[in-house]
Amino acid sequence: MEDKDFGRGEGHVVTITNREQVSVDGVVHVDSFDDQEIVVETDLGTLSLKGEDLHIKQLNLDDGYLEIEGVIDSVSYSARPGAGKARSLIERILR
């Protein structure tokens, strides 16, 4: 399987430790945050982290790095821009 670089070409890594700490590489900017949800834009799309007592421990947008502490309940991505525009072969044929 071939590795592909997206965004800035630096890759993207999310590390969760004991559901209490999260580190994210490839962060472009923070969309919103409160103690229950943090939403960030990454090189690979929008990342949403939900939980309790969440707070940003460290943020460095120059390096694209974010550290979060709190109780992590869920981590989810929204589709990358343009990902939903691809049509299947059948859809193109039946058009």
PDB file of N, CA and C in Angstrom:
ATOM      1  N   MET A   1       0.844  -1.177   0.000  1.00  0.00           N
ATOM      2  CA  MET A   1       0.000   0.000   0.000  1.00  0.00           C
ATOM      3  C   MET A   1       0.886   1.235   0.000  1.00  0.00           C
ATOM      4  N   GLU A   2       0.575   2.174  -0.814  1.00  0.00           N
ATOM      5  CA  GLU A   2       1.386   3.376  -0.992  1.00  0.00           C
ATOM      6  C   GLU A   2       0.967   4.460  -0.009  1.00  0.00           C
ATOM      7  N   ASP A   3       1.949   5.115   0.637  1.00  0.00           N
ATOM      8  CA  ASP A   3       1.654   6.240   1.523  1.00  0.00           C
ATOM      9  C   ASP A   3       1.409   7.472   0.684  1.00  0.00           C
ATOM     10  N   LYS A   4       0.391   8.242   1.069  1.00  0.00           N
ATOM     11  CA  LYS A   4       0.090   9.480   0.358  1.00  0.00           C
ATOM     12  C   LYS A   4       0.159  10.627   1.336  1.00  0.00           C
ATOM     13  N   ASP A   5       0.737  11.729   0.914  1.00  0.00           N
ATOM     14  CA  ASP A   5       0.776  12.934   1.728  1.00  0.00           C
ATOM     15  C   ASP A   5      -0.339  13.852   1.278  1.00  0.00           C
ATOM     16  N   PHE A   6      -1.047  14.444   2.234  1.00  0.00           N
ATOM     17  CA  PHE A   6      -2.121  15.366   1.951  1.00  0.00           C
ATOM     18  C   PHE A   6      -1.788  16.712   2.558  1.00  0.00           C
ATOM     19  N   GLY A   7      -2.584  17.717   2.218  1.00  0.00           N
ATOM     20  CA  GLY A   7      -2.424  19.033   2.832  1.00  0.00           C
ATOM     21  C   GLY A   7      -1.037  19.592   2.661  1.00  0.00           C
ATOM     22  N   ARG A   8      -0.366  19.845   3.781  1.00  0.00           N
ATOM     23  CA  ARG A   8       0.977  20.412   3.754  1.00  0.00           C
ATOM     24  C   ARG A   8       2.035  19.373   3.431  1.00  0.00           C
ATOM     25  N   GLY A   9       1.627  18.125   3.295  1.00  0.00           N
ATOM     26  CA  GLY A   9       2.583  17.087   2.975  1.00  0.00           C
ATOM     27  C   GLY A   9       3.336  16.573   4.186  1.00  0.00           C
ATOM     28  N   GLU A  10       2.903  16.958   5.382  1.00  0.00           N
ATOM     29  CA  GLU A  10       3.600  16.538   6.584  1.00  0.00           C
ATOM     30  C   GLU A  10       2.941  15.329   7.238  1.00  0.00           C
ATOM     31  N   GLY A  11       1.844  14.864   6.713  1.00  0.00           N
ATOM     32  CA  GLY A  11       1.143  13.738   7.300  1.00  0.00           C
ATOM     33  C   GLY A  11       0.185  14.163   8.394  1.00  0.00           C
ATOM     34  N   HIS A  12      -0.469  13.177   8.980  1.00  0.00           N
ATOM     35  CA  HIS A  12      -1.484  13.447   9.994  1.00  0.00           C
ATOM     36  C   HIS A  12      -1.484  12.285  10.981  1.00  0.00           C
ATOM     37  N   VAL A  13      -1.364  12.593  12.269  1.00  0.00           N
ATOM     38  CA  VAL A  13      -1.339  11.563  13.303  1.00  0.00           C
ATOM     39  C   VAL A  13      -2.222  12.000  14.462  1.00  0.00           C
ATOM     40  N   VAL A  14      -3.063  11.073  14.945  1.00  0.00           N
ATOM     41  CA  VAL A  14      -3.848  11.298  16.151  1.00  0.00           C
ATOM     42  C   VAL A  14      -3.457  10.209  17.142  1.00  0.00           C
ATOM     43  N   THR A  15      -3.052  10.611  18.349  1.00  0.00           N
ATOM     44  CA  THR A  15      -2.672   9.661  19.387  1.00  0.00           C
ATOM     45  C   THR A  15      -3.552   9.889  20.609  1.00  0.00           C
ATOM     46  N   ILE A  16      -4.218   8.817  21.063  1.00  0.00           N
ATOM     47  CA  ILE A  16      -5.062   8.889  22.253  1.00  0.00           C
ATOM     48  C   ILE A  16      -4.432   8.007  23.323  1.00  0.00           C
ATOM     49  N   THR A  17      -4.243   8.576  24.517  1.00  0.00           N
ATOM     50  CA  THR A  17      -3.649   7.842  25.621  1.00  0.00           C
ATOM     51  C   THR A  17      -4.663   7.724  26.754  1.00  0.00           C
ATOM     52  N   ASN A  18      -5.084   6.495  27.040  1.00  0.00           N
ATOM     53  CA  ASN A  18      -5.986   6.196  28.153  1.00  0.00           C
ATOM     54  C   ASN A  18      -7.269   7.023  28.154  1.00  0.00           C
ATOM     55  N   ARG A  19      -7.732   7.423  26.990  1.00  0.00           N
ATOM     56  CA  ARG A  19      -8.950   8.246  26.858  1.00  0.00           C
ATOM     57  C   ARG A  19      -8.877   9.539  27.651  1.00  0.00           C
ATOM     58  N   GLU A  20      -7.657   9.970  28.003  1.00  0.00           N
ATOM     59  CA  GLU A  20      -7.493  11.181  28.799  1.00  0.00           C
ATOM     60  C   GLU A  20      -6.631  12.236  28.123  1.00  0.00           C
ATOM     61  N   GLN A  21      -5.819  11.831  27.175  1.00  0.00           N
ATOM     62  CA  GLN A  21      -4.950  12.774  26.470  1.00  0.00           C
ATOM     63  C   GLN A  21      -4.986  12.467  24.979  1.00  0.00           C
ATOM     64  N   VAL A  22      -5.014  13.522  24.185  1.00  0.00           N
ATOM     65  CA  VAL A  22      -4.992  13.383  22.729  1.00  0.00           C
ATOM     66  C   VAL A  22      -3.950  14.335  22.181  1.00  0.00           C
ATOM     67  N   SER A  23      -3.121  13.833  21.271  1.00  0.00           N
ATOM     68  CA  SER A  23      -2.223  14.718  20.535  1.00  0.00           C
ATOM     69  C   SER A  23      -2.541  14.563  19.054  1.00  0.00           C
ATOM     70  N   VAL A  24      -2.544  15.682  18.353  1.00  0.00           N
ATOM     71  CA  VAL A  24      -2.906  15.698  16.938  1.00  0.00           C
ATOM     72  C   VAL A  24      -1.843  16.464  16.170  1.00  0.00           C
ATOM     73  N   ASP A  25      -1.294  15.846  15.138  1.00  0.00           N
ATOM     74  CA  ASP A  25      -0.390  16.515  14.200  1.00  0.00           C
ATOM     75  C   ASP A  25      -1.163  16.789  12.922  1.00  0.00           C
ATOM     76  N   GLY A  26      -0.839  17.873  12.233  1.00  0.00           N
ATOM     77  CA  GLY A  26      -1.509  18.210  10.985  1.00  0.00           C
ATOM     78  C   GLY A  26      -2.686  19.145  11.177  1.00  0.00           C
ATOM     79  N   VAL A  27      -2.714  19.880  12.293  1.00  0.00           N
ATOM     80  CA  VAL A  27      -3.803  20.817  12.574  1.00  0.00           C
ATOM     81  C   VAL A  27      -3.578  22.114  11.810  1.00  0.00           C
ATOM     82  N   VAL A  28      -4.591  22.561  11.087  1.00  0.00           N
ATOM     83  CA  VAL A  28      -4.523  23.806  10.326  1.00  0.00           C
ATOM     84  C   VAL A  28      -5.070  24.967  11.153  1.00  0.00           C
ATOM     85  N   HIS A  29      -6.243  24.779  11.786  1.00  0.00           N
ATOM     86  CA  HIS A  29      -6.790  25.788  12.692  1.00  0.00           C
ATOM     87  C   HIS A  29      -7.874  25.171  13.571  1.00  0.00           C
ATOM     88  N   VAL A  30      -8.202  25.858  14.655  1.00  0.00           N
ATOM     89  CA  VAL A  30      -9.247  25.420  15.576  1.00  0.00           C
ATOM     90  C   VAL A  30     -10.538  26.126  15.183  1.00  0.00           C
ATOM     91  N   ASP A  31     -11.570  25.346  14.850  1.00  0.00           N
ATOM     92  CA  ASP A  31     -12.863  25.924  14.471  1.00  0.00           C
ATOM     93  C   ASP A  31     -13.641  26.383  15.698  1.00  0.00           C
ATOM     94  N   SER A  32     -13.725  25.514  16.710  1.00  0.00           N
ATOM     95  CA  SER A  32     -14.449  25.860  17.934  1.00  0.00           C
ATOM     96  C   SER A  32     -14.001  24.939  19.055  1.00  0.00           C
ATOM     97  N   PHE A  33     -14.214  25.405  20.284  1.00  0.00           N
ATOM     98  CA  PHE A  33     -13.908  24.546  21.420  1.00  0.00           C
ATOM     99  C   PHE A  33     -14.682  24.994  22.652  1.00  0.00           C
ATOM    100  N   ASP A  34     -15.061  24.013  23.457  1.00  0.00           N
ATOM    101  CA  ASP A  34     -15.598  24.237  24.790  1.00  0.00           C
ATOM    102  C   ASP A  34     -15.251  22.999  25.610  1.00  0.00           C
ATOM    103  N   ASP A  35     -15.806  22.869  26.803  1.00  0.00           N
ATOM    104  CA  ASP A  35     -15.407  21.753  27.660  1.00  0.00           C
ATOM    105  C   ASP A  35     -16.024  20.418  27.251  1.00  0.00           C
ATOM    106  N   GLN A  36     -16.915  20.415  26.229  1.00  0.00           N
ATOM    107  CA  GLN A  36     -17.537  19.181  25.767  1.00  0.00           C
ATOM    108  C   GLN A  36     -17.185  18.802  24.334  1.00  0.00           C
ATOM    109  N   GLU A  37     -16.689  19.746  23.536  1.00  0.00           N
ATOM    110  CA  GLU A  37     -16.352  19.439  22.141  1.00  0.00           C
ATOM    111  C   GLU A  37     -15.277  20.384  21.629  1.00  0.00           C
ATOM    112  N   ILE A  38     -14.328  19.794  20.901  1.00  0.00           N
ATOM    113  CA  ILE A  38     -13.287  20.570  20.234  1.00  0.00           C
ATOM    114  C   ILE A  38     -13.321  20.183  18.764  1.00  0.00           C
ATOM    115  N   VAL A  39     -13.437  21.174  17.886  1.00  0.00           N
ATOM    116  CA  VAL A  39     -13.504  20.939  16.443  1.00  0.00           C
ATOM    117  C   VAL A  39     -12.324  21.644  15.794  1.00  0.00           C
ATOM    118  N   VAL A  40     -11.508  20.869  15.074  1.00  0.00           N
ATOM    119  CA  VAL A  40     -10.329  21.430  14.413  1.00  0.00           C
ATOM    120  C   VAL A  40     -10.310  21.025  12.948  1.00  0.00           C
ATOM    121  N   GLU A  41      -9.713  21.866  12.136  1.00  0.00           N
ATOM    122  CA  GLU A  41      -9.488  21.551  10.725  1.00  0.00           C
ATOM    123  C   GLU A  41      -8.083  20.980  10.617  1.00  0.00           C
ATOM    124  N   THR A  42      -7.976  19.791  10.021  1.00  0.00           N
ATOM    125  CA  THR A  42      -6.677  19.151   9.841  1.00  0.00           C
ATOM    126  C   THR A  42      -6.349  19.078   8.353  1.00  0.00           C
ATOM    127  N   ASP A  43      -5.171  18.582   8.062  1.00  0.00           N
ATOM    128  CA  ASP A  43      -4.765  18.390   6.672  1.00  0.00           C
ATOM    129  C   ASP A  43      -5.704  17.438   5.936  1.00  0.00           C
ATOM    130  N   LEU A  44      -6.408  16.578   6.683  1.00  0.00           N
ATOM    131  CA  LEU A  44      -7.267  15.572   6.058  1.00  0.00           C
ATOM    132  C   LEU A  44      -8.748  15.791   6.319  1.00  0.00           C
ATOM    133  N   GLY A  45      -9.135  16.975   6.747  1.00  0.00           N
ATOM    134  CA  GLY A  45     -10.547  17.271   6.967  1.00  0.00           C
ATOM    135  C   GLY A  45     -10.822  17.717   8.384  1.00  0.00           C
ATOM    136  N   THR A  46     -12.094  17.867   8.701  1.00  0.00           N
ATOM    137  CA  THR A  46     -12.517  18.354  10.010  1.00  0.00           C
ATOM    138  C   THR A  46     -12.550  17.209  11.012  1.00  0.00           C
ATOM    139  N   LEU A  47     -11.928  17.439  12.159  1.00  0.00           N
ATOM    140  CA  LEU A  47     -11.851  16.454  13.229  1.00  0.00           C
ATOM    141  C   LEU A  47     -12.618  16.985  14.431  1.00  0.00           C
ATOM    142  N   SER A  48     -13.542  16.175  14.958  1.00  0.00           N
ATOM    143  CA  SER A  48     -14.345  16.554  16.118  1.00  0.00           C
ATOM    144  C   SER A  48     -14.050  15.595  17.261  1.00  0.00           C
ATOM    145  N   LEU A  49     -13.710  16.153  18.419  1.00  0.00           N
ATOM    146  CA  LEU A  49     -13.463  15.360  19.621  1.00  0.00           C
ATOM    147  C   LEU A  49     -14.506  15.752  20.656  1.00  0.00           C
ATOM    148  N   LYS A  50     -15.213  14.757  21.196  1.00  0.00           N
ATOM    149  CA  LYS A  50     -16.249  15.023  22.194  1.00  0.00           C
ATOM    150  C   LYS A  50     -15.891  14.319  23.489  1.00  0.00           C
ATOM    151  N   GLY A  51     -16.299  14.941  24.597  1.00  0.00           N
ATOM    152  CA  GLY A  51     -16.023  14.352  25.895  1.00  0.00           C
ATOM    153  C   GLY A  51     -16.441  15.266  27.023  1.00  0.00           C
ATOM    154  N   GLU A  52     -15.756  15.133  28.158  1.00  0.00           N
ATOM    155  CA  GLU A  52     -16.055  15.923  29.344  1.00  0.00           C
ATOM    156  C   GLU A  52     -14.787  16.601  29.839  1.00  0.00           C
ATOM    157  N   ASP A  53     -14.938  17.797  30.349  1.00  0.00           N
ATOM    158  CA  ASP A  53     -13.818  18.564  30.909  1.00  0.00           C
ATOM    159  C   ASP A  53     -12.646  18.676  29.932  1.00  0.00           C
ATOM    160  N   LEU A  54     -12.943  18.873  28.655  1.00  0.00           N
ATOM    161  CA  LEU A  54     -11.896  18.990  27.643  1.00  0.00           C
ATOM    162  C   LEU A  54     -11.257  20.370  27.715  1.00  0.00           C
ATOM    163  N   HIS A  55      -9.952  20.393  27.596  1.00  0.00           N
ATOM    164  CA  HIS A  55      -9.263  21.671  27.463  1.00  0.00           C
ATOM    165  C   HIS A  55      -8.007  21.485  26.626  1.00  0.00           C
ATOM    166  N   ILE A  56      -7.644  22.558  25.959  1.00  0.00           N
ATOM    167  CA  ILE A  56      -6.466  22.549  25.102  1.00  0.00           C
ATOM    168  C   ILE A  56      -5.248  22.808  25.972  1.00  0.00           C
ATOM    169  N   LYS A  57      -4.377  21.824  26.037  1.00  0.00           N
ATOM    170  CA  LYS A  57      -3.165  21.934  26.849  1.00  0.00           C
ATOM    171  C   LYS A  57      -2.073  22.671  26.089  1.00  0.00           C
ATOM    172  N   GLN A  58      -1.964  22.378  24.782  1.00  0.00           N
ATOM    173  CA  GLN A  58      -0.937  23.012  23.960  1.00  0.00           C
ATOM    174  C   GLN A  58      -1.450  23.137  22.528  1.00  0.00           C
ATOM    175  N   LEU A  59      -1.169  24.283  21.910  1.00  0.00           N
ATOM    176  CA  LEU A  59      -1.546  24.516  20.517  1.00  0.00           C
ATOM    177  C   LEU A  59      -0.429  25.280  19.839  1.00  0.00           C
ATOM    178  N   ASN A  60       0.072  24.732  18.734  1.00  0.00           N
ATOM    179  CA  ASN A  60       1.098  25.396  17.944  1.00  0.00           C
ATOM    180  C   ASN A  60       0.705  25.238  16.475  1.00  0.00           C
ATOM    181  N   LEU A  61       0.063  26.255  15.922  1.00  0.00           N
ATOM    182  CA  LEU A  61      -0.402  26.171  14.535  1.00  0.00           C
ATOM    183  C   LEU A  61       0.743  26.252  13.540  1.00  0.00           C
ATOM    184  N   ASP A  62       1.865  26.859  13.927  1.00  0.00           N
ATOM    185  CA  ASP A  62       3.022  26.889  13.032  1.00  0.00           C
ATOM    186  C   ASP A  62       3.528  25.479  12.755  1.00  0.00           C
ATOM    187  N   ASP A  63       3.505  24.633  13.790  1.00  0.00           N
ATOM    188  CA  ASP A  63       3.928  23.237  13.641  1.00  0.00           C
ATOM    189  C   ASP A  63       2.755  22.307  13.363  1.00  0.00           C
ATOM    190  N   GLY A  64       1.513  22.826  13.464  1.00  0.00           N
ATOM    191  CA  GLY A  64       0.333  22.000  13.241  1.00  0.00           C
ATOM    192  C   GLY A  64       0.082  21.007  14.360  1.00  0.00           C
ATOM    193  N   TYR A  65       0.407  21.381  15.601  1.00  0.00           N
ATOM    194  CA  TYR A  65       0.333  20.456  16.733  1.00  0.00           C
ATOM    195  C   TYR A  65      -0.690  20.908  17.769  1.00  0.00           C
ATOM    196  N   LEU A  66      -1.448  19.947  18.312  1.00  0.00           N
ATOM    197  CA  LEU A  66      -2.466  20.218  19.318  1.00  0.00           C
ATOM    198  C   LEU A  66      -2.438  19.116  20.368  1.00  0.00           C
ATOM    199  N   GLU A  67      -2.522  19.506  21.639  1.00  0.00           N
ATOM    200  CA  GLU A  67      -2.656  18.556  22.745  1.00  0.00           C
ATOM    201  C   GLU A  67      -3.917  18.887  23.514  1.00  0.00           C
ATOM    202  N   ILE A  68      -4.702  17.853  23.826  1.00  0.00           N
ATOM    203  CA  ILE A  68      -5.965  18.014  24.539  1.00  0.00           C
ATOM    204  C   ILE A  68      -5.958  17.094  25.755  1.00  0.00           C
ATOM    205  N   GLU A  69      -6.526  17.576  26.864  1.00  0.00           N
ATOM    206  CA  GLU A  69      -6.716  16.753  28.053  1.00  0.00           C
ATOM    207  C   GLU A  69      -8.189  16.753  28.425  1.00  0.00           C
ATOM    208  N   GLY A  70      -8.643  15.671  29.042  1.00  0.00           N
ATOM    209  CA  GLY A  70     -10.021  15.527  29.475  1.00  0.00           C
ATOM    210  C   GLY A  70     -10.461  14.090  29.271  1.00  0.00           C
ATOM    211  N   VAL A  71     -11.734  13.828  29.448  1.00  0.00           N
ATOM    212  CA  VAL A  71     -12.278  12.490  29.233  1.00  0.00           C
ATOM    213  C   VAL A  71     -12.807  12.432  27.803  1.00  0.00           C
ATOM    214  N   ILE A  72     -12.183  11.614  26.963  1.00  0.00           N
ATOM    215  CA  ILE A  72     -12.536  11.520  25.543  1.00  0.00           C
ATOM    216  C   ILE A  72     -13.640  10.478  25.363  1.00  0.00           C
ATOM    217  N   ASP A  73     -14.776  10.898  24.792  1.00  0.00           N
ATOM    218  CA  ASP A  73     -15.882   9.984  24.510  1.00  0.00           C
ATOM    219  C   ASP A  73     -15.925   9.560  23.046  1.00  0.00           C
ATOM    220  N   SER A  74     -15.576  10.478  22.134  1.00  0.00           N
ATOM    221  CA  SER A  74     -15.611  10.120  20.714  1.00  0.00           C
ATOM    222  C   SER A  74     -14.677  11.010  19.904  1.00  0.00           C
ATOM    223  N   VAL A  75     -14.223  10.429  18.807  1.00  0.00           N
ATOM    224  CA  VAL A  75     -13.392  11.141  17.834  1.00  0.00           C
ATOM    225  C   VAL A  75     -13.984  10.828  16.472  1.00  0.00           C
ATOM    226  N   SER A  76     -14.286  11.865  15.684  1.00  0.00           N
ATOM    227  CA  SER A  76     -14.867  11.608  14.366  1.00  0.00           C
ATOM    228  C   SER A  76     -14.377  12.629  13.348  1.00  0.00           C
ATOM    229  N   TYR A  77     -14.363  12.195  12.107  1.00  0.00           N
ATOM    230  CA  TYR A  77     -13.989  13.048  10.984  1.00  0.00           C
ATOM    231  C   TYR A  77     -15.217  13.312  10.131  1.00  0.00           C
ATOM    232  N   SER A  78     -15.279  14.495   9.560  1.00  0.00           N
ATOM    233  CA  SER A  78     -16.242  14.720   8.494  1.00  0.00           C
ATOM    234  C   SER A  78     -15.503  14.424   7.200  1.00  0.00           C
ATOM    235  N   ALA A  79     -16.247  14.199   6.139  1.00  0.00           N
ATOM    236  CA  ALA A  79     -15.630  13.856   4.860  1.00  0.00           C
ATOM    237  C   ALA A  79     -14.696  14.958   4.395  1.00  0.00           C
ATOM    238  N   ARG A  80     -13.615  14.547   3.767  1.00  0.00           N
ATOM    239  CA  ARG A  80     -12.689  15.526   3.189  1.00  0.00           C
ATOM    240  C   ARG A  80     -13.410  16.313   2.115  1.00  0.00           C
ATOM    241  N   PRO A  81     -13.040  17.572   1.920  1.00  0.00           N
ATOM    242  CA  PRO A  81     -13.658  18.361   0.851  1.00  0.00           C
ATOM    243  C   PRO A  81     -13.519  17.651  -0.490  1.00  0.00           C
ATOM    244  N   GLY A  82     -14.638  17.519  -1.189  1.00  0.00           N
ATOM    245  CA  GLY A  82     -14.614  16.886  -2.503  1.00  0.00           C
ATOM    246  C   GLY A  82     -14.801  15.382  -2.466  1.00  0.00           C
ATOM    247  N   ALA A  83     -14.759  14.771  -1.290  1.00  0.00           N
ATOM    248  CA  ALA A  83     -14.867  13.315  -1.206  1.00  0.00           C
ATOM    249  C   ALA A  83     -16.247  12.836  -1.634  1.00  0.00           C
ATOM    250  N   GLY A  84     -17.282  13.602  -1.370  1.00  0.00           N
ATOM    251  CA  GLY A  84     -18.630  13.193  -1.726  1.00  0.00           C
ATOM    252  C   GLY A  84     -18.968  13.438  -3.184  1.00  0.00           C
ATOM    253  N   LYS A  85     -18.109  14.067  -3.935  1.00  0.00           N
ATOM    254  CA  LYS A  85     -18.395  14.411  -5.319  1.00  0.00           C
ATOM    255  C   LYS A  85     -18.088  13.278  -6.291  1.00  0.00           C
ATOM    256  N   ALA A  86     -17.326  12.307  -5.854  1.00  0.00           N
ATOM    257  CA  ALA A  86     -16.987  11.198  -6.739  1.00  0.00           C
ATOM    258  C   ALA A  86     -18.225  10.337  -6.949  1.00  0.00           C
ATOM    259  N   ARG A  87     -18.474   9.973  -8.191  1.00  0.00           N
ATOM    260  CA  ARG A  87     -19.631   9.146  -8.499  1.00  0.00           C
ATOM    261  C   ARG A  87     -19.156   7.769  -8.910  1.00  0.00           C
ATOM    262  N   SER A  88     -19.992   6.802  -8.645  1.00  0.00           N
ATOM    263  CA  SER A  88     -19.650   5.442  -9.026  1.00  0.00           C
ATOM    264  C   SER A  88     -19.772   5.279 -10.542  1.00  0.00           C
ATOM    265  N   LEU A  89     -19.198   4.222 -11.044  1.00  0.00           N
ATOM    266  CA  LEU A  89     -19.253   3.919 -12.471  1.00  0.00           C
ATOM    267  C   LEU A  89     -20.702   3.763 -12.927  1.00  0.00           C
ATOM    268  N   ILE A  90     -21.529   3.100 -12.135  1.00  0.00           N
ATOM    269  CA  ILE A  90     -22.938   2.900 -12.482  1.00  0.00           C
ATOM    270  C   ILE A  90     -23.658   4.240 -12.597  1.00  0.00           C
ATOM    271  N   GLU A  91     -23.425   5.142 -11.643  1.00  0.00           N
ATOM    272  CA  GLU A  91     -24.080   6.455 -11.699  1.00  0.00           C
ATOM    273  C   GLU A  91     -23.694   7.205 -12.968  1.00  0.00           C
ATOM    274  N   ARG A  92     -22.438   7.090 -13.375  1.00  0.00           N
ATOM    275  CA  ARG A  92     -22.001   7.788 -14.592  1.00  0.00           C
ATOM    276  C   ARG A  92     -22.595   7.157 -15.843  1.00  0.00           C
ATOM    277  N   ILE A  93     -22.734   5.846 -15.856  1.00  0.00           N
ATOM    278  CA  ILE A  93     -23.291   5.156 -17.022  1.00  0.00           C
ATOM    279  C   ILE A  93     -24.784   5.461 -17.160  1.00  0.00           C
ATOM    280  N   LEU A  94     -25.513   5.453 -16.048  1.00  0.00           N
ATOM    281  CA  LEU A  94     -26.957   5.657 -16.075  1.00  0.00           C
ATOM    282  C   LEU A  94     -27.356   7.104 -16.263  1.00  0.00           C
ATOM    283  N   ARG A  95     -26.436   7.971 -16.257  1.00  0.00           N
ATOM    284  CA  ARG A  95     -26.720   9.387 -16.412  1.00  0.00           C
ATOM    285  C   ARG A  95     -27.194   9.696 -17.760  1.00  0.00           C
TER     286      ARG A  95
END
